[in-house]
Amino acid sequence: QVQLVESGGGLVQAGGSLSVSCTASGRTFDSYSIAWFRQAPGKEREFVTSISRNGGSTYYADSVKGRFTISRDNAKNTVDLQMNSLKPEDTAVYYCAARVGSIYFYATTDQWNYWGQGTQVTVSS
């Protein structure tokens, strides 16, 4: 089992950049594919991006493609999400999620087994 803790959220102006991180417990971090989801007030949780176990493959939602970059460091048990050119519609609570196995491109919440508590990202206009 893995425990996930997000950090790094905050307030940024539109057009700005922000990075959020996910730190995992345990010694088998490289057994897990990792994803980021987000949930805005009154909306369903939506997929943002995901990364394979070794970090060699990534998958992005169309809404963030070209603006967000996911990366991981298995030696540090961390996954980072670099967010550039932020828009007010990116405002949400961002959640880190994990699943055991090599399939990393699931975009629905039911395919991800472990979740962090979330970190707030607010983009002002």
Protein backbone atom coordinates (compact mmCIF):
# COMPACT_ATOMS: atom_id res chain seq x y z
CA GLN A 1 0.00 0.00 0.00
CA VAL A 2 1.17 3.53 -0.69
CA GLN A 3 0.33 6.82 0.99
CA LEU A 4 0.38 10.02 -1.02
CA VAL A 5 0.86 13.59 0.15
CA GLU A 6 0.50 16.59 -2.13
CA SER A 7 2.23 19.90 -1.58
CA GLY A 8 3.00 23.14 -3.32
CA GLY A 9 -0.41 24.55 -4.17
CA GLY A 10 -1.19 28.23 -3.84
CA LEU A 11 -2.41 31.38 -5.51
CA VAL A 12 -1.04 32.60 -8.83
CA GLN A 13 -2.10 35.11 -11.44
CA ALA A 14 -3.32 34.05 -14.84
CA GLY A 15 -0.41 33.39 -17.14
CA GLY A 16 1.83 32.45 -14.27
CA SER A 17 3.42 29.18 -13.24
CA LEU A 18 3.14 26.89 -10.26
CA SER A 19 4.49 23.48 -9.34
CA VAL A 20 2.82 20.90 -7.14
CA SER A 21 4.41 17.74 -5.83
CA CYS A 22 3.27 14.34 -4.69
CA THR A 23 5.40 12.43 -2.21
CA ALA A 24 4.77 8.75 -1.60
CA SER A 25 5.59 6.51 1.31
CA GLY A 26 6.92 3.01 0.93
CA ARG A 27 9.77 1.27 -0.82
CA THR A 28 7.94 0.11 -3.94
CA PHE A 29 7.14 3.47 -5.48
CA ASP A 30 8.33 2.34 -8.88
CA SER A 31 5.58 -0.29 -8.90
CA TYR A 32 2.96 2.42 -9.23
CA SER A 33 1.73 4.46 -12.12
CA ILE A 34 0.86 7.97 -10.93
CA ALA A 35 -1.75 10.46 -12.05
CA TRP A 36 -2.96 13.92 -11.23
CA PHE A 37 -6.65 14.72 -11.12
CA ARG A 38 -8.36 17.96 -10.20
CA GLN A 39 -11.73 18.98 -8.89
CA ALA A 40 -13.24 22.43 -9.13
CA PRO A 41 -16.14 23.50 -6.90
CA GLY A 42 -19.39 21.97 -8.07
CA LYS A 43 -17.69 19.82 -10.69
CA GLU A 44 -16.64 16.22 -10.94
CA ARG A 45 -13.05 15.18 -10.44
CA GLU A 46 -11.29 15.19 -13.79
CA PHE A 47 -8.12 13.67 -15.16
CA VAL A 48 -5.15 15.96 -15.74
CA THR A 49 -2.11 13.82 -16.52
CA SER A 50 -0.40 10.54 -15.71
CA ILE A 51 3.02 8.96 -15.87
CA SER A 52 4.28 5.41 -16.22
CA ARG A 53 6.21 3.57 -13.56
CA ASN A 54 9.64 4.42 -14.95
CA GLY A 55 8.65 7.91 -16.07
CA GLY A 56 9.23 7.13 -19.71
CA SER A 57 5.64 7.63 -20.85
CA THR A 58 3.14 10.34 -20.06
CA TYR A 59 -0.47 11.12 -20.92
CA TYR A 60 -2.22 14.50 -20.78
CA ALA A 61 -5.73 15.79 -20.95
CA ASP A 62 -6.26 18.01 -23.97
CA SER A 63 -7.03 20.95 -21.70
CA VAL A 64 -3.51 21.00 -20.26
CA LYS A 65 -1.43 19.61 -23.10
CA GLY A 66 1.48 21.90 -23.88
CA ARG A 67 1.10 23.80 -20.60
CA PHE A 68 1.58 21.16 -17.90
CA THR A 69 4.46 18.73 -17.48
CA ILE A 70 4.51 15.68 -15.24
CA SER A 71 7.74 14.07 -14.09
CA ARG A 72 8.84 11.65 -11.42
CA ASP A 73 11.92 10.81 -9.41
CA ASN A 74 11.71 7.24 -8.16
CA ALA A 75 14.79 7.66 -5.98
CA LYS A 76 12.94 10.38 -4.04
CA ASN A 77 9.44 8.87 -4.28
CA THR A 78 8.12 12.06 -5.82
CA VAL A 79 6.03 13.11 -8.78
CA ASP A 80 5.99 16.75 -9.83
CA LEU A 81 3.46 18.65 -11.88
CA GLN A 82 4.80 21.82 -13.46
CA MET A 83 1.98 24.11 -14.55
CA ASN A 84 2.67 26.98 -16.93
CA SER A 85 0.45 29.53 -18.64
CA LEU A 86 -2.16 29.00 -15.97
CA LYS A 87 -5.75 30.01 -16.58
CA PRO A 88 -8.54 30.78 -14.13
CA GLU A 89 -10.25 27.58 -15.25
CA ASP A 90 -7.28 25.63 -13.86
CA THR A 91 -8.45 26.58 -10.38
CA ALA A 92 -9.20 23.40 -8.46
CA VAL A 93 -8.03 21.05 -5.77
CA TYR A 94 -5.33 18.89 -7.32
CA TYR A 95 -5.11 15.27 -6.27
CA CYS A 96 -2.34 12.76 -6.72
CA ALA A 97 -3.41 9.16 -7.41
CA ALA A 98 -1.64 5.84 -7.76
CA ARG A 99 -2.35 2.41 -9.15
CA VAL A 100 -0.26 -0.74 -9.18
CA GLY A 101 0.85 -1.87 -12.60
CA SER A 102 2.09 -0.68 -15.92
CA ILE A 103 -1.09 0.78 -17.39
CA TYR A 104 -0.89 4.49 -16.72
CA PHE A 105 -3.30 6.06 -19.20
CA TYR A 106 -6.58 5.50 -17.39
CA ALA A 107 -8.47 8.77 -17.21
CA THR A 108 -11.28 7.74 -14.87
CA THR A 109 -11.12 7.89 -11.10
CA ASP A 110 -12.31 4.30 -10.62
CA GLN A 111 -9.07 2.91 -12.07
CA TRP A 112 -6.89 4.60 -9.46
CA ASN A 113 -6.65 2.93 -6.08
CA TYR A 114 -4.80 5.35 -3.82
CA TRP A 115 -5.36 9.06 -3.37
CA GLY A 116 -3.77 11.96 -1.58
CA GLN A 117 -5.68 14.59 0.35
CA GLY A 118 -5.33 17.25 -2.33
CA THR A 119 -3.76 20.68 -2.61
CA GLN A 120 -5.54 23.88 -3.65
CA VAL A 121 -4.45 25.74 -6.77
CA THR A 122 -6.11 29.10 -7.38
CA VAL A 123 -5.53 31.13 -10.52
CA SER A 124 -6.74 34.71 -10.39
CA SER A 125 -7.77 36.62 -13.48
